[in-house]
Amino acid sequence: MTLEAIKEAVVHLSEAEREQFAYWFEELAEEEWDKQIERDSAPGGRGAHLVDKIDREIDRAR
């Protein structure tokens, strides 16, 4: 299915269906964001150095 076909299908949804679709799509985006954060903060990830820095600061504060 193409993006254009999806857009065309969405246009023909009822208002209630579009609201349900919008809610579902937002949930999907949030799940993808969470997965990206997990990947970035995992050892070797792009943000792992920030997690390490925060851990060191917490350890110093104890």
N, C-alpha and C. Protein backbone atom coordinates (compact mmCIF):
# COMPACT_ATOMS: atom_id res chain seq x y z
N MET A 1 0.85 -1.18 0.00
CA MET A 1 0.00 0.00 0.00
C MET A 1 0.90 1.24 0.00
N THR A 2 0.56 2.20 -0.79
CA THR A 2 1.36 3.41 -0.89
C THR A 2 0.89 4.45 0.13
N LEU A 3 1.72 5.43 0.36
CA LEU A 3 1.37 6.53 1.25
C LEU A 3 0.14 7.26 0.72
N GLU A 4 0.08 7.46 -0.57
CA GLU A 4 -1.07 8.14 -1.16
C GLU A 4 -2.36 7.36 -0.93
N ALA A 5 -2.29 6.04 -1.03
CA ALA A 5 -3.46 5.20 -0.79
C ALA A 5 -3.90 5.29 0.66
N ILE A 6 -2.95 5.34 1.56
CA ILE A 6 -3.28 5.47 2.98
C ILE A 6 -3.93 6.82 3.24
N LYS A 7 -3.36 7.89 2.67
CA LYS A 7 -3.96 9.22 2.84
C LYS A 7 -5.39 9.24 2.31
N GLU A 8 -5.58 8.65 1.15
CA GLU A 8 -6.92 8.61 0.55
C GLU A 8 -7.89 7.85 1.45
N ALA A 9 -7.44 6.75 2.02
CA ALA A 9 -8.30 5.96 2.91
C ALA A 9 -8.65 6.76 4.17
N VAL A 10 -7.67 7.47 4.72
CA VAL A 10 -7.91 8.24 5.94
C VAL A 10 -8.93 9.35 5.68
N VAL A 11 -8.85 9.97 4.53
CA VAL A 11 -9.79 11.04 4.18
C VAL A 11 -11.22 10.52 4.21
N HIS A 12 -11.42 9.27 3.89
CA HIS A 12 -12.77 8.72 3.81
C HIS A 12 -13.27 8.11 5.12
N LEU A 13 -12.48 8.18 6.17
CA LEU A 13 -12.93 7.69 7.47
C LEU A 13 -13.95 8.66 8.07
N SER A 14 -14.80 8.13 8.92
CA SER A 14 -15.71 9.00 9.66
C SER A 14 -14.90 9.78 10.69
N GLU A 15 -15.50 10.79 11.26
CA GLU A 15 -14.80 11.59 12.27
C GLU A 15 -14.36 10.71 13.44
N ALA A 16 -15.24 9.82 13.89
CA ALA A 16 -14.90 8.93 15.01
C ALA A 16 -13.75 8.00 14.63
N GLU A 17 -13.77 7.50 13.40
CA GLU A 17 -12.69 6.62 12.95
C GLU A 17 -11.37 7.38 12.84
N ARG A 18 -11.44 8.63 12.37
CA ARG A 18 -10.21 9.44 12.29
C ARG A 18 -9.65 9.71 13.68
N GLU A 19 -10.51 9.93 14.65
CA GLU A 19 -10.05 10.13 16.03
C GLU A 19 -9.38 8.86 16.54
N GLN A 20 -9.98 7.71 16.27
CA GLN A 20 -9.39 6.44 16.69
C GLN A 20 -8.05 6.23 15.99
N PHE A 21 -8.00 6.55 14.70
CA PHE A 21 -6.77 6.41 13.95
C PHE A 21 -5.69 7.34 14.51
N ALA A 22 -6.06 8.57 14.78
CA ALA A 22 -5.10 9.54 15.31
C ALA A 22 -4.56 9.07 16.66
N TYR A 23 -5.42 8.54 17.51
CA TYR A 23 -4.99 8.02 18.81
C TYR A 23 -4.01 6.86 18.61
N TRP A 24 -4.39 5.93 17.73
CA TRP A 24 -3.53 4.77 17.45
C TRP A 24 -2.18 5.23 16.90
N PHE A 25 -2.19 6.19 15.98
CA PHE A 25 -0.96 6.65 15.36
C PHE A 25 -0.06 7.34 16.39
N GLU A 26 -0.65 8.11 17.28
CA GLU A 26 0.12 8.76 18.34
C GLU A 26 0.75 7.72 19.26
N GLU A 27 0.00 6.69 19.60
CA GLU A 27 0.54 5.61 20.43
C GLU A 27 1.71 4.93 19.72
N LEU A 28 1.58 4.69 18.43
CA LEU A 28 2.64 4.08 17.65
C LEU A 28 3.89 4.96 17.68
N ALA A 29 3.72 6.25 17.50
CA ALA A 29 4.85 7.18 17.52
C ALA A 29 5.52 7.19 18.89
N GLU A 30 4.73 7.15 19.95
CA GLU A 30 5.29 7.13 21.31
C GLU A 30 6.08 5.84 21.55
N GLU A 31 5.56 4.72 21.09
CA GLU A 31 6.28 3.45 21.24
C GLU A 31 7.60 3.48 20.50
N GLU A 32 7.61 4.02 19.29
CA GLU A 32 8.85 4.14 18.51
C GLU A 32 9.84 5.06 19.21
N TRP A 33 9.36 6.15 19.78
CA TRP A 33 10.21 7.08 20.52
C TRP A 33 10.85 6.36 21.71
N ASP A 34 10.04 5.61 22.46
CA ASP A 34 10.55 4.86 23.61
C ASP A 34 11.64 3.87 23.18
N LYS A 35 11.41 3.17 22.08
CA LYS A 35 12.40 2.21 21.58
C LYS A 35 13.70 2.92 21.20
N GLN A 36 13.58 4.11 20.58
CA GLN A 36 14.76 4.86 20.19
C GLN A 36 15.55 5.31 21.42
N ILE A 37 14.85 5.77 22.44
CA ILE A 37 15.51 6.19 23.68
C ILE A 37 16.23 5.00 24.30
N GLU A 38 15.58 3.84 24.32
CA GLU A 38 16.21 2.64 24.87
C GLU A 38 17.48 2.29 24.09
N ARG A 39 17.41 2.34 22.77
CA ARG A 39 18.59 2.04 21.95
C ARG A 39 19.70 3.05 22.21
N ASP A 40 19.34 4.32 22.27
CA ASP A 40 20.35 5.37 22.45
C ASP A 40 21.00 5.32 23.83
N SER A 41 20.24 4.89 24.85
CA SER A 41 20.80 4.89 26.20
C SER A 41 21.42 3.55 26.60
N ALA A 42 21.30 2.54 25.74
CA ALA A 42 21.92 1.24 26.00
C ALA A 42 23.44 1.35 25.86
N PRO A 43 24.17 0.45 26.49
CA PRO A 43 25.63 0.47 26.33
C PRO A 43 26.00 0.48 24.84
N GLY A 44 26.84 1.40 24.48
CA GLY A 44 27.26 1.54 23.10
C GLY A 44 26.35 2.43 22.26
N GLY A 45 25.22 2.86 22.84
CA GLY A 45 24.29 3.73 22.11
C GLY A 45 24.79 5.17 22.08
N ARG A 46 24.12 5.97 21.26
CA ARG A 46 24.53 7.37 21.08
C ARG A 46 24.51 8.17 22.38
N GLY A 47 23.60 7.84 23.29
CA GLY A 47 23.49 8.59 24.53
C GLY A 47 24.03 7.87 25.75
N ALA A 48 24.72 6.76 25.54
CA ALA A 48 25.23 5.96 26.67
C ALA A 48 26.15 6.79 27.54
N HIS A 49 26.94 7.68 26.94
CA HIS A 49 27.85 8.50 27.73
C HIS A 49 27.08 9.41 28.69
N LEU A 50 25.90 9.85 28.30
CA LEU A 50 25.09 10.68 29.19
C LEU A 50 24.57 9.87 30.37
N VAL A 51 24.15 8.64 30.10
CA VAL A 51 23.69 7.77 31.18
C VAL A 51 24.84 7.52 32.16
N ASP A 52 26.01 7.27 31.63
CA ASP A 52 27.18 7.05 32.48
C ASP A 52 27.47 8.28 33.33
N LYS A 53 27.38 9.45 32.73
CA LYS A 53 27.64 10.70 33.46
C LYS A 53 26.63 10.90 34.59
N ILE A 54 25.36 10.65 34.30
CA ILE A 54 24.33 10.78 35.32
C ILE A 54 24.56 9.78 36.44
N ASP A 55 24.92 8.54 36.09
CA ASP A 55 25.20 7.52 37.11
C ASP A 55 26.35 7.97 38.02
N ARG A 56 27.41 8.54 37.43
CA ARG A 56 28.54 9.01 38.24
C ARG A 56 28.11 10.15 39.16
N GLU A 57 27.28 11.07 38.67
CA GLU A 57 26.81 12.18 39.48
C GLU A 57 25.92 11.70 40.63
N ILE A 58 25.11 10.70 40.37
CA ILE A 58 24.28 10.14 41.43
C ILE A 58 25.15 9.48 42.49
N ASP A 59 26.16 8.73 42.03
CA ASP A 59 27.07 8.07 42.97
C ASP A 59 27.81 9.10 43.84
N ARG A 60 28.23 10.22 43.25
CA ARG A 60 28.92 11.26 44.02
C ARG A 60 28.00 11.92 45.04
N ALA A 61 26.72 12.03 44.71
CA ALA A 61 25.78 12.70 45.59
C ALA A 61 25.40 11.83 46.81
N ARG A 62 25.71 10.57 46.75
CA ARG A 62 25.36 9.67 47.87
C ARG A 62 26.31 9.81 48.97
